[in-house]
Amino acid sequence: MPAPSFNMISGGRYGDIFQTLFIEDLLDWDDWDGFTKAVQTIGRSIILADDLIVTNPERLELAAKISAVDGFILKPNQVGTIAEALECFEYASQNAILTIPSGRSGGVIDDVVMDLAVGLAAPFHKNGAPRSGERIEKLNFLLRAAERIPNCALADVPALVRLRELSAARRPTAALPPRRQRTPPRRSKVPSSQPVSVATGPPRSDRCRRGR
């Protein structure tokens, strides 16, 4: 089955039809042009990337440069080290890109990603339905953290939400909240021997593993 194109998925009207808070991995993992068009056109939803970024600093820098994402899924075992995962988080924070830590299917109890979610004060954590022990433990971890951290509070989710009532969105006077301003990205760390183009992006490391 061919990978979906931007026109196949939305035709520019997806956000007007569906009240979707997040849209993750809506296109092929190397469709940089399509992701950029989605960010420009689907203004009512937050465009997230998992397979496009794979917690890779070089790919995240390109995504910021061409405004291809509003946020990304942080999975330390995609890139291979905690240091590189934290580098992605720091860069995303500097460029107003939302970071959502995530566990992995078939993960383990006491996954370090939960410590990252709390320590980095991430507004969201991607966990999946509580159908297995490691997922239930992640939810219990958050409950214990909420009990033990003084003045712990939920993230200000409404500040991130762009959704409006459909009836209001269809009125000519309805306006969408502006997208967050981003600071200029840092100079790319991609070696000169590996030229980057918007068409292909930085190479996906053999260590980067897709999957949920």
N, C-alpha and C. Protein backbone atom coordinates (compact mmCIF):
# COMPACT_ATOMS: atom_id res chain seq x y z
N MET A 1 0.85 -1.20 0.00
CA MET A 1 0.00 0.00 0.00
C MET A 1 0.88 1.24 0.00
N PRO A 2 0.67 2.18 -0.93
CA PRO A 2 1.52 3.37 -0.98
C PRO A 2 1.32 4.26 0.23
N ALA A 3 2.39 4.98 0.59
CA ALA A 3 2.30 5.90 1.72
C ALA A 3 1.33 7.02 1.40
N PRO A 4 0.54 7.48 2.36
CA PRO A 4 -0.42 8.55 2.09
C PRO A 4 0.27 9.86 1.79
N SER A 5 -0.35 10.66 0.95
CA SER A 5 0.16 11.99 0.65
C SER A 5 -0.65 13.01 1.44
N PHE A 6 -0.15 14.24 1.48
CA PHE A 6 -0.86 15.28 2.21
C PHE A 6 -2.24 15.51 1.62
N ASN A 7 -2.35 15.52 0.29
CA ASN A 7 -3.64 15.75 -0.35
C ASN A 7 -4.62 14.63 -0.06
N MET A 8 -4.12 13.39 0.02
CA MET A 8 -5.00 12.25 0.31
C MET A 8 -5.60 12.37 1.70
N ILE A 9 -4.83 12.87 2.64
CA ILE A 9 -5.29 12.88 4.03
C ILE A 9 -6.20 14.05 4.33
N SER A 10 -5.84 15.25 3.89
CA SER A 10 -6.61 16.40 4.36
C SER A 10 -7.19 17.28 3.27
N GLY A 11 -6.46 17.45 2.18
CA GLY A 11 -6.91 18.41 1.20
C GLY A 11 -7.04 19.79 1.81
N GLY A 12 -6.34 20.02 2.94
CA GLY A 12 -6.38 21.31 3.59
C GLY A 12 -7.59 21.53 4.47
N ARG A 13 -8.49 20.54 4.61
CA ARG A 13 -9.73 20.76 5.36
C ARG A 13 -9.87 19.83 6.56
N TYR A 14 -8.86 19.05 6.85
CA TYR A 14 -8.96 18.08 7.95
C TYR A 14 -9.37 18.77 9.25
N GLY A 15 -8.70 19.87 9.58
CA GLY A 15 -8.98 20.54 10.84
C GLY A 15 -10.35 21.16 10.91
N ASP A 16 -10.98 21.41 9.76
CA ASP A 16 -12.33 21.96 9.76
C ASP A 16 -13.38 20.87 9.97
N ILE A 17 -13.03 19.63 9.65
CA ILE A 17 -14.00 18.54 9.73
C ILE A 17 -13.91 17.81 11.06
N PHE A 18 -12.67 17.57 11.54
CA PHE A 18 -12.47 16.78 12.76
C PHE A 18 -11.84 17.64 13.86
N GLN A 19 -12.39 17.56 15.06
CA GLN A 19 -11.81 18.28 16.19
C GLN A 19 -10.73 17.39 16.82
N THR A 20 -9.56 17.42 16.26
CA THR A 20 -8.46 16.56 16.66
C THR A 20 -7.39 17.39 17.36
N LEU A 21 -7.06 17.03 18.59
CA LEU A 21 -6.05 17.77 19.33
C LEU A 21 -4.67 17.50 18.77
N PHE A 22 -4.33 16.21 18.60
CA PHE A 22 -3.03 15.82 18.05
C PHE A 22 -3.24 14.99 16.78
N ILE A 23 -2.33 15.13 15.84
CA ILE A 23 -2.24 14.22 14.70
C ILE A 23 -0.80 13.74 14.64
N GLU A 24 -0.61 12.44 14.83
CA GLU A 24 0.75 11.89 14.88
C GLU A 24 1.04 11.03 13.65
N ASP A 25 2.23 11.24 13.06
CA ASP A 25 2.69 10.42 11.94
C ASP A 25 1.64 10.32 10.85
N LEU A 26 1.14 11.45 10.39
CA LEU A 26 0.08 11.42 9.38
C LEU A 26 0.60 11.10 7.99
N LEU A 27 1.93 11.14 7.79
CA LEU A 27 2.51 10.91 6.47
C LEU A 27 3.71 9.99 6.57
N ASP A 28 4.30 9.68 5.42
CA ASP A 28 5.50 8.85 5.35
C ASP A 28 6.63 9.48 6.15
N TRP A 29 7.52 8.64 6.70
CA TRP A 29 8.55 9.17 7.61
C TRP A 29 9.62 10.01 6.93
N ASP A 30 9.62 10.11 5.60
CA ASP A 30 10.55 10.99 4.91
C ASP A 30 9.83 12.03 4.06
N ASP A 31 8.54 12.24 4.30
CA ASP A 31 7.78 13.23 3.53
C ASP A 31 7.89 14.60 4.20
N TRP A 32 9.03 15.22 4.08
CA TRP A 32 9.27 16.51 4.74
C TRP A 32 8.37 17.60 4.17
N ASP A 33 8.21 17.62 2.86
CA ASP A 33 7.34 18.63 2.25
C ASP A 33 5.90 18.47 2.74
N GLY A 34 5.44 17.22 2.84
CA GLY A 34 4.07 16.98 3.28
C GLY A 34 3.84 17.42 4.70
N PHE A 35 4.79 17.14 5.60
CA PHE A 35 4.65 17.57 6.99
C PHE A 35 4.63 19.10 7.08
N THR A 36 5.47 19.77 6.30
CA THR A 36 5.48 21.24 6.31
C THR A 36 4.13 21.79 5.85
N LYS A 37 3.57 21.21 4.82
CA LYS A 37 2.26 21.65 4.33
C LYS A 37 1.18 21.39 5.39
N ALA A 38 1.29 20.27 6.09
CA ALA A 38 0.31 19.96 7.12
C ALA A 38 0.34 21.00 8.24
N VAL A 39 1.55 21.37 8.67
CA VAL A 39 1.68 22.39 9.72
C VAL A 39 1.09 23.72 9.26
N GLN A 40 1.32 24.06 8.01
CA GLN A 40 0.82 25.33 7.47
C GLN A 40 -0.70 25.33 7.30
N THR A 41 -1.27 24.16 7.00
CA THR A 41 -2.67 24.10 6.58
C THR A 41 -3.61 23.64 7.69
N ILE A 42 -3.20 22.64 8.47
CA ILE A 42 -4.08 22.10 9.51
C ILE A 42 -3.81 22.89 10.79
N GLY A 43 -4.34 24.08 10.85
CA GLY A 43 -4.03 24.98 11.95
C GLY A 43 -4.72 24.67 13.26
N ARG A 44 -5.73 23.81 13.23
CA ARG A 44 -6.51 23.53 14.44
C ARG A 44 -5.97 22.36 15.24
N SER A 45 -4.97 21.65 14.73
CA SER A 45 -4.42 20.48 15.41
C SER A 45 -2.91 20.61 15.56
N ILE A 46 -2.38 19.94 16.56
CA ILE A 46 -0.94 19.92 16.79
C ILE A 46 -0.34 18.76 16.01
N ILE A 47 0.54 19.05 15.08
CA ILE A 47 1.14 18.03 14.23
C ILE A 47 2.35 17.43 14.95
N LEU A 48 2.24 16.15 15.29
CA LEU A 48 3.30 15.45 16.01
C LEU A 48 4.02 14.49 15.07
N ALA A 49 5.28 14.25 15.36
CA ALA A 49 6.07 13.29 14.58
C ALA A 49 6.75 12.30 15.51
N ASP A 50 6.67 11.05 15.14
CA ASP A 50 7.40 9.99 15.81
C ASP A 50 8.40 9.41 14.82
N ASP A 51 7.91 8.76 13.78
CA ASP A 51 8.80 8.13 12.81
C ASP A 51 9.57 9.15 11.98
N LEU A 52 9.06 10.36 11.83
CA LEU A 52 9.80 11.39 11.08
C LEU A 52 11.05 11.83 11.84
N ILE A 53 10.96 11.91 13.16
CA ILE A 53 12.07 12.43 13.97
C ILE A 53 12.91 11.32 14.58
N VAL A 54 12.28 10.23 15.03
CA VAL A 54 12.92 9.11 15.72
C VAL A 54 13.93 9.57 16.77
N THR A 55 13.58 10.63 17.52
CA THR A 55 14.41 11.17 18.59
C THR A 55 15.84 11.38 18.12
N ASN A 56 15.99 11.87 16.91
CA ASN A 56 17.29 12.11 16.29
C ASN A 56 17.54 13.61 16.23
N PRO A 57 18.59 14.13 16.88
CA PRO A 57 18.82 15.58 16.91
C PRO A 57 18.93 16.20 15.52
N GLU A 58 19.56 15.51 14.58
CA GLU A 58 19.73 16.08 13.24
C GLU A 58 18.39 16.22 12.52
N ARG A 59 17.56 15.21 12.65
CA ARG A 59 16.24 15.27 12.00
C ARG A 59 15.35 16.30 12.68
N LEU A 60 15.47 16.45 13.98
CA LEU A 60 14.68 17.46 14.69
C LEU A 60 15.10 18.86 14.27
N GLU A 61 16.39 19.09 14.08
CA GLU A 61 16.86 20.40 13.64
C GLU A 61 16.31 20.75 12.26
N LEU A 62 16.30 19.77 11.36
CA LEU A 62 15.74 20.04 10.03
C LEU A 62 14.25 20.33 10.14
N ALA A 63 13.54 19.57 10.96
CA ALA A 63 12.10 19.79 11.13
C ALA A 63 11.81 21.20 11.63
N ALA A 64 12.63 21.68 12.57
CA ALA A 64 12.46 23.04 13.08
C ALA A 64 12.77 24.07 11.99
N LYS A 65 13.79 23.80 11.21
CA LYS A 65 14.21 24.75 10.18
C LYS A 65 13.12 24.97 9.13
N ILE A 66 12.42 23.90 8.76
CA ILE A 66 11.40 24.02 7.71
C ILE A 66 9.99 24.00 8.29
N SER A 67 9.86 24.11 9.62
CA SER A 67 8.55 24.13 10.29
C SER A 67 7.71 22.92 9.90
N ALA A 68 8.29 21.73 10.07
CA ALA A 68 7.60 20.51 9.67
C ALA A 68 6.79 19.87 10.79
N VAL A 69 6.98 20.30 12.04
CA VAL A 69 6.26 19.70 13.16
C VAL A 69 5.93 20.76 14.20
N ASP A 70 4.89 20.48 14.98
CA ASP A 70 4.60 21.27 16.18
C ASP A 70 5.14 20.59 17.43
N GLY A 71 5.35 19.28 17.33
CA GLY A 71 5.85 18.52 18.47
C GLY A 71 6.38 17.18 18.01
N PHE A 72 7.07 16.46 18.92
CA PHE A 72 7.61 15.16 18.55
C PHE A 72 7.52 14.21 19.75
N ILE A 73 7.58 12.91 19.45
CA ILE A 73 7.53 11.88 20.47
C ILE A 73 8.95 11.54 20.90
N LEU A 74 9.21 11.62 22.19
CA LEU A 74 10.55 11.37 22.73
C LEU A 74 10.66 9.92 23.20
N LYS A 75 11.50 9.14 22.53
CA LYS A 75 11.75 7.73 22.89
C LYS A 75 13.26 7.53 22.96
N PRO A 76 13.84 7.51 24.15
CA PRO A 76 15.30 7.41 24.26
C PRO A 76 15.90 6.22 23.54
N ASN A 77 15.19 5.08 23.52
CA ASN A 77 15.81 3.91 22.90
C ASN A 77 15.73 3.95 21.37
N GLN A 78 15.11 4.98 20.80
CA GLN A 78 15.19 5.16 19.36
C GLN A 78 16.57 5.66 18.96
N VAL A 79 17.06 6.64 19.68
CA VAL A 79 18.35 7.24 19.34
C VAL A 79 19.50 6.50 20.01
N GLY A 80 19.24 5.85 21.13
CA GLY A 80 20.25 4.98 21.72
C GLY A 80 20.87 5.45 23.02
N THR A 81 20.82 6.77 23.30
CA THR A 81 21.42 7.26 24.55
C THR A 81 20.51 8.31 25.19
N ILE A 82 20.60 8.38 26.53
CA ILE A 82 19.84 9.41 27.26
C ILE A 82 20.35 10.79 26.89
N ALA A 83 21.67 10.93 26.70
CA ALA A 83 22.26 12.23 26.38
C ALA A 83 21.68 12.80 25.09
N GLU A 84 21.56 11.97 24.06
CA GLU A 84 21.01 12.45 22.79
C GLU A 84 19.52 12.75 22.91
N ALA A 85 18.82 11.97 23.71
CA ALA A 85 17.40 12.23 23.94
C ALA A 85 17.21 13.59 24.62
N LEU A 86 18.05 13.87 25.62
CA LEU A 86 17.97 15.15 26.32
C LEU A 86 18.38 16.30 25.40
N GLU A 87 19.31 16.04 24.48
CA GLU A 87 19.68 17.07 23.51
C GLU A 87 18.48 17.43 22.64
N CYS A 88 17.70 16.42 22.26
CA CYS A 88 16.48 16.69 21.48
C CYS A 88 15.50 17.53 22.29
N PHE A 89 15.32 17.18 23.56
CA PHE A 89 14.40 17.93 24.41
C PHE A 89 14.84 19.39 24.53
N GLU A 90 16.13 19.61 24.78
CA GLU A 90 16.63 20.98 24.93
C GLU A 90 16.41 21.79 23.66
N TYR A 91 16.73 21.18 22.53
CA TYR A 91 16.56 21.89 21.26
C TYR A 91 15.10 22.18 20.98
N ALA A 92 14.24 21.22 21.25
CA ALA A 92 12.81 21.43 21.04
C ALA A 92 12.29 22.56 21.92
N SER A 93 12.72 22.60 23.17
CA SER A 93 12.28 23.65 24.09
C SER A 93 12.71 25.03 23.59
N GLN A 94 13.90 25.12 23.05
CA GLN A 94 14.41 26.39 22.55
C GLN A 94 13.67 26.86 21.30
N ASN A 95 13.03 25.93 20.61
CA ASN A 95 12.36 26.26 19.36
C ASN A 95 10.84 26.09 19.44
N ALA A 96 10.29 26.11 20.66
CA ALA A 96 8.84 26.05 20.87
C ALA A 96 8.21 24.82 20.22
N ILE A 97 8.92 23.70 20.29
CA ILE A 97 8.40 22.43 19.78
C ILE A 97 8.01 21.57 20.99
N LEU A 98 6.81 21.05 20.98
CA LEU A 98 6.31 20.26 22.09
C LEU A 98 7.00 18.90 22.15
N THR A 99 7.42 18.50 23.35
CA THR A 99 8.05 17.19 23.56
C THR A 99 7.10 16.30 24.35
N ILE A 100 6.81 15.12 23.83
CA ILE A 100 5.94 14.18 24.51
C ILE A 100 6.70 12.87 24.73
N PRO A 101 7.18 12.60 25.95
CA PRO A 101 7.85 11.33 26.21
C PRO A 101 6.88 10.18 26.02
N SER A 102 7.42 9.03 25.62
CA SER A 102 6.55 7.89 25.32
C SER A 102 7.24 6.59 25.70
N GLY A 103 6.45 5.65 26.22
CA GLY A 103 6.93 4.30 26.41
C GLY A 103 6.90 3.56 25.09
N ARG A 104 7.33 2.32 25.11
CA ARG A 104 7.32 1.50 23.91
C ARG A 104 6.45 0.27 24.13
N SER A 105 5.85 -0.20 23.07
CA SER A 105 5.06 -1.43 23.17
C SER A 105 5.97 -2.56 23.65
N GLY A 106 5.47 -3.35 24.61
CA GLY A 106 6.28 -4.42 25.15
C GLY A 106 7.41 -3.92 26.03
N GLY A 107 7.24 -2.73 26.58
CA GLY A 107 8.27 -2.14 27.43
C GLY A 107 8.37 -2.85 28.77
N VAL A 108 9.16 -2.27 29.64
CA VAL A 108 9.42 -2.89 30.94
C VAL A 108 8.88 -2.01 32.06
N ILE A 109 8.70 -2.61 33.23
CA ILE A 109 8.31 -1.86 34.41
C ILE A 109 9.49 -1.00 34.86
N ASP A 110 9.20 0.17 35.42
CA ASP A 110 10.23 1.13 35.84
C ASP A 110 11.03 1.66 34.66
N ASP A 111 10.37 1.86 33.55
CA ASP A 111 11.00 2.46 32.37
C ASP A 111 11.49 3.86 32.72
N VAL A 112 12.72 4.20 32.28
CA VAL A 112 13.29 5.50 32.60
C VAL A 112 12.50 6.64 31.96
N VAL A 113 11.69 6.34 30.94
CA VAL A 113 10.94 7.40 30.28
C VAL A 113 9.99 8.10 31.24
N MET A 114 9.52 7.40 32.29
CA MET A 114 8.65 8.04 33.25
C MET A 114 9.40 9.06 34.09
N ASP A 115 10.63 8.74 34.46
CA ASP A 115 11.45 9.71 35.18
C ASP A 115 11.70 10.94 34.31
N LEU A 116 11.90 10.73 33.02
CA LEU A 116 12.10 11.86 32.11
C LEU A 116 10.83 12.70 32.02
N ALA A 117 9.68 12.04 31.92
CA ALA A 117 8.43 12.78 31.80
C ALA A 117 8.21 13.71 32.99
N VAL A 118 8.50 13.20 34.20
CA VAL A 118 8.32 14.02 35.41
C VAL A 118 9.45 15.03 35.55
N GLY A 119 10.68 14.58 35.34
CA GLY A 119 11.82 15.48 35.52
C GLY A 119 11.85 16.62 34.53
N LEU A 120 11.38 16.39 33.32
CA LEU A 120 11.37 17.44 32.29
C LEU A 120 10.08 18.26 32.32
N ALA A 121 9.17 17.91 33.24
CA ALA A 121 7.89 18.62 33.36
C ALA A 121 7.15 18.64 32.04
N ALA A 122 7.13 17.49 31.36
CA ALA A 122 6.43 17.40 30.09
C ALA A 122 4.92 17.53 30.33
N PRO A 123 4.21 18.28 29.50
CA PRO A 123 2.77 18.47 29.72
C PRO A 123 1.95 17.23 29.41
N PHE A 124 2.49 16.34 28.56
CA PHE A 124 1.79 15.10 28.20
C PHE A 124 2.77 13.94 28.27
N HIS A 125 2.20 12.75 28.45
CA HIS A 125 2.99 11.53 28.33
C HIS A 125 2.17 10.52 27.53
N LYS A 126 2.81 9.90 26.56
CA LYS A 126 2.11 8.92 25.72
C LYS A 126 2.31 7.53 26.33
N ASN A 127 1.21 6.92 26.73
CA ASN A 127 1.32 5.66 27.45
C ASN A 127 0.51 4.53 26.81
N GLY A 128 -0.60 4.83 26.20
CA GLY A 128 -1.47 3.79 25.65
C GLY A 128 -2.45 3.29 26.70
N ALA A 129 -3.37 2.47 26.26
CA ALA A 129 -4.40 1.94 27.16
C ALA A 129 -3.77 1.06 28.24
N PRO A 130 -4.30 1.11 29.47
CA PRO A 130 -3.74 0.30 30.57
C PRO A 130 -4.10 -1.17 30.45
N ARG A 131 -3.57 -1.83 29.46
CA ARG A 131 -3.92 -3.23 29.20
C ARG A 131 -2.84 -4.20 29.66
N SER A 132 -1.72 -3.70 30.15
CA SER A 132 -0.63 -4.59 30.55
C SER A 132 0.09 -3.99 31.76
N GLY A 133 0.85 -4.83 32.44
CA GLY A 133 1.48 -4.43 33.69
C GLY A 133 2.39 -3.23 33.58
N GLU A 134 3.22 -3.17 32.52
CA GLU A 134 4.16 -2.05 32.42
C GLU A 134 3.45 -0.73 32.17
N ARG A 135 2.30 -0.78 31.48
CA ARG A 135 1.55 0.45 31.25
C ARG A 135 0.84 0.90 32.53
N ILE A 136 0.29 -0.02 33.27
CA ILE A 136 -0.36 0.32 34.54
C ILE A 136 0.67 0.90 35.51
N GLU A 137 1.86 0.33 35.52
CA GLU A 137 2.91 0.84 36.41
C GLU A 137 3.28 2.28 36.06
N LYS A 138 3.25 2.62 34.78
CA LYS A 138 3.55 4.00 34.39
C LYS A 138 2.52 4.96 34.95
N LEU A 139 1.26 4.57 34.90
CA LEU A 139 0.21 5.41 35.47
C LEU A 139 0.36 5.51 36.99
N ASN A 140 0.69 4.40 37.64
CA ASN A 140 0.91 4.43 39.08
C ASN A 140 2.10 5.32 39.44
N PHE A 141 3.12 5.31 38.60
CA PHE A 141 4.28 6.18 38.82
C PHE A 141 3.85 7.64 38.85
N LEU A 142 3.01 8.03 37.90
CA LEU A 142 2.56 9.41 37.85
C LEU A 142 1.71 9.76 39.08
N LEU A 143 0.89 8.82 39.52
CA LEU A 143 0.08 9.07 40.71
C LEU A 143 0.96 9.24 41.95
N ARG A 144 1.99 8.39 42.08
CA ARG A 144 2.90 8.53 43.22
C ARG A 144 3.65 9.85 43.16
N ALA A 145 4.06 10.25 41.96
CA ALA A 145 4.77 11.52 41.81
C ALA A 145 3.88 12.69 42.20
N ALA A 146 2.61 12.62 41.79
CA ALA A 146 1.68 13.70 42.12
C ALA A 146 1.48 13.82 43.63
N GLU A 147 1.52 12.69 44.33
CA GLU A 147 1.33 12.70 45.78
C GLU A 147 2.55 13.25 46.51
N ARG A 148 3.73 12.99 45.98
CA ARG A 148 4.96 13.28 46.71
C ARG A 148 5.60 14.61 46.34
N ILE A 149 5.26 15.17 45.19
CA ILE A 149 5.86 16.44 44.78
C ILE A 149 5.01 17.59 45.30
N PRO A 150 5.57 18.47 46.12
CA PRO A 150 4.79 19.59 46.66
C PRO A 150 4.22 20.48 45.54
N ASN A 151 2.99 20.90 45.72
CA ASN A 151 2.33 21.82 44.77
C ASN A 151 2.28 21.26 43.35
N CYS A 152 2.25 19.95 43.24
CA CYS A 152 2.17 19.33 41.91
C CYS A 152 0.81 19.67 41.29
N ALA A 153 0.82 20.02 40.02
CA ALA A 153 -0.43 20.41 39.35
C ALA A 153 -0.42 19.88 37.93
N LEU A 154 -1.60 19.75 37.35
CA LEU A 154 -1.71 19.33 35.97
C LEU A 154 -1.17 20.41 35.05
N ALA A 155 -0.71 20.00 33.88
CA ALA A 155 -0.21 20.96 32.90
C ALA A 155 -1.36 21.85 32.41
N ASP A 156 -1.01 23.03 31.94
CA ASP A 156 -1.99 23.98 31.42
C ASP A 156 -2.37 23.56 30.00
N VAL A 157 -3.14 22.49 29.90
CA VAL A 157 -3.50 21.96 28.59
C VAL A 157 -4.28 22.96 27.74
N PRO A 158 -5.25 23.70 28.30
CA PRO A 158 -5.98 24.65 27.45
C PRO A 158 -5.09 25.64 26.72
N ALA A 159 -3.92 25.95 27.29
CA ALA A 159 -3.02 26.88 26.61
C ALA A 159 -2.45 26.30 25.33
N LEU A 160 -2.47 24.97 25.21
CA LEU A 160 -1.93 24.32 24.03
C LEU A 160 -2.99 23.99 22.99
N VAL A 161 -4.25 24.03 23.41
CA VAL A 161 -5.33 23.57 22.54
C VAL A 161 -5.74 24.67 21.57
N ARG A 162 -5.85 24.31 20.30
CA ARG A 162 -6.28 25.26 19.27
C ARG A 162 -7.72 25.02 18.83
N LEU A 163 -8.32 23.99 19.39
CA LEU A 163 -9.65 23.61 18.91
C LEU A 163 -10.70 24.67 19.28
N ARG A 164 -11.66 24.81 18.42
CA ARG A 164 -12.81 25.66 18.66
C ARG A 164 -14.06 24.88 18.25
N GLU A 165 -15.21 25.35 18.68
CA GLU A 165 -16.45 24.70 18.24
C GLU A 165 -16.54 24.77 16.73
N LEU A 166 -17.01 23.67 16.12
CA LEU A 166 -17.09 23.64 14.67
C LEU A 166 -17.95 24.77 14.12
N SER A 167 -19.02 25.08 14.80
CA SER A 167 -19.89 26.15 14.31
C SER A 167 -19.16 27.47 14.27
N ALA A 168 -18.34 27.72 15.28
CA ALA A 168 -17.57 28.97 15.31
C ALA A 168 -16.49 28.96 14.25
N ALA A 169 -15.89 27.80 14.03
CA ALA A 169 -14.80 27.72 13.06
C ALA A 169 -15.29 27.98 11.65
N ARG A 170 -16.55 27.70 11.41
CA ARG A 170 -17.07 27.88 10.06
C ARG A 170 -17.59 29.29 9.81
N ARG A 171 -17.63 30.09 10.86
CA ARG A 171 -18.06 31.47 10.67
C ARG A 171 -16.89 32.28 10.11
N PRO A 172 -17.13 33.21 9.21
CA PRO A 172 -16.05 34.00 8.61
C PRO A 172 -15.23 34.76 9.64
N THR A 173 -15.83 35.10 10.79
CA THR A 173 -15.11 35.90 11.77
C THR A 173 -14.23 35.07 12.68
N ALA A 174 -14.35 33.74 12.63
CA ALA A 174 -13.57 32.89 13.53
C ALA A 174 -12.09 32.98 13.19
N ALA A 175 -11.27 33.07 14.21
CA ALA A 175 -9.82 33.16 14.00
C ALA A 175 -9.13 32.08 14.81
N LEU A 176 -8.06 31.53 14.25
CA LEU A 176 -7.30 30.51 14.94
C LEU A 176 -6.20 31.16 15.77
N PRO A 177 -5.86 30.57 16.91
CA PRO A 177 -4.74 31.09 17.69
C PRO A 177 -3.47 31.05 16.86
N PRO A 178 -2.60 32.05 16.98
CA PRO A 178 -1.36 32.04 16.19
C PRO A 178 -0.45 30.91 16.62
N ARG A 179 0.34 30.42 15.68
CA ARG A 179 1.32 29.41 16.03
C ARG A 179 2.46 30.05 16.81
N ARG A 180 3.07 29.25 17.65
CA ARG A 180 4.12 29.76 18.51
C ARG A 180 5.33 30.19 17.71
N GLN A 181 5.95 31.30 18.11
CA GLN A 181 7.14 31.79 17.43
C GLN A 181 8.35 30.96 17.84
N ARG A 182 9.19 30.68 16.90
CA ARG A 182 10.37 29.88 17.17
C ARG A 182 11.63 30.70 16.97
N THR A 183 12.60 30.48 17.81
CA THR A 183 13.89 31.12 17.65
C THR A 183 14.64 30.43 16.52
N PRO A 184 15.57 31.15 15.86
CA PRO A 184 16.31 30.52 14.76
C PRO A 184 17.03 29.28 15.24
N PRO A 185 16.98 28.19 14.46
CA PRO A 185 17.63 26.96 14.88
C PRO A 185 19.14 27.09 14.88
N ARG A 186 19.77 26.25 15.70
CA ARG A 186 21.21 26.24 15.73
C ARG A 186 21.76 25.64 14.44
N ARG A 187 23.03 25.85 14.21
CA ARG A 187 23.67 25.30 13.03
C ARG A 187 23.60 23.78 13.06
N SER A 188 23.28 23.19 11.92
CA SER A 188 23.14 21.75 11.86
C SER A 188 24.44 21.05 12.17
N LYS A 189 24.34 19.89 12.83
CA LYS A 189 25.51 19.09 13.15
C LYS A 189 25.75 18.00 12.11
N VAL A 190 25.01 18.03 11.03
CA VAL A 190 25.20 17.01 10.01
C VAL A 190 26.53 17.22 9.33
N PRO A 191 27.42 16.22 9.27
CA PRO A 191 28.72 16.39 8.61
C PRO A 191 28.56 16.82 7.17
N SER A 192 29.54 17.59 6.67
CA SER A 192 29.48 18.07 5.29
C SER A 192 29.49 16.94 4.29
N SER A 193 29.97 15.78 4.70
CA SER A 193 29.98 14.61 3.80
C SER A 193 28.61 14.00 3.64
N GLN A 194 27.63 14.48 4.45
CA GLN A 194 26.27 13.98 4.37
C GLN A 194 25.33 15.14 4.12
N PRO A 195 25.27 15.65 2.87
CA PRO A 195 24.42 16.82 2.58
C PRO A 195 22.97 16.51 2.87
N VAL A 196 22.27 17.54 3.34
CA VAL A 196 20.86 17.40 3.71
C VAL A 196 20.01 18.14 2.71
N SER A 197 18.94 17.54 2.29
CA SER A 197 17.97 18.21 1.44
C SER A 197 16.60 18.07 2.06
N VAL A 198 15.72 19.00 1.73
CA VAL A 198 14.37 18.93 2.26
C VAL A 198 13.67 17.70 1.75
N ALA A 199 14.08 17.22 0.60
CA ALA A 199 13.41 16.07 -0.01
C ALA A 199 13.67 14.79 0.78
N THR A 200 14.89 14.63 1.29
CA THR A 200 15.22 13.37 1.95
C THR A 200 15.50 13.52 3.43
N GLY A 201 16.01 14.70 3.86
CA GLY A 201 16.33 14.90 5.27
C GLY A 201 17.59 14.19 5.66
N PRO A 202 17.99 14.32 6.93
CA PRO A 202 19.17 13.63 7.42
C PRO A 202 18.97 12.13 7.36
N PRO A 203 20.06 11.38 7.23
CA PRO A 203 19.92 9.92 7.17
C PRO A 203 19.38 9.37 8.47
N ARG A 204 18.53 8.36 8.38
CA ARG A 204 18.01 7.68 9.56
C ARG A 204 19.06 6.69 10.04
N SER A 205 19.53 6.87 11.26
CA SER A 205 20.55 5.98 11.81
C SER A 205 20.03 4.56 11.89
N ASP A 206 20.95 3.60 11.72
CA ASP A 206 20.57 2.20 11.84
C ASP A 206 20.05 1.90 13.24
N ARG A 207 20.46 2.74 14.23
CA ARG A 207 20.01 2.52 15.59
C ARG A 207 18.58 2.95 15.81
N CYS A 208 18.08 3.83 14.94
CA CYS A 208 16.73 4.35 15.12
C CYS A 208 15.73 3.26 14.75
N ARG A 209 14.86 2.97 15.65
CA ARG A 209 13.88 1.92 15.44
C ARG A 209 12.48 2.51 15.51
N ARG A 210 11.69 2.18 14.51
CA ARG A 210 10.33 2.67 14.51
C ARG A 210 9.48 1.78 15.40
N GLY A 211 8.21 2.05 15.39
CA GLY A 211 7.29 1.25 16.20
C GLY A 211 6.73 2.06 17.33
N ARG A 212 5.67 1.57 17.90
CA ARG A 212 4.96 2.33 18.93
C ARG A 212 5.47 1.96 20.31
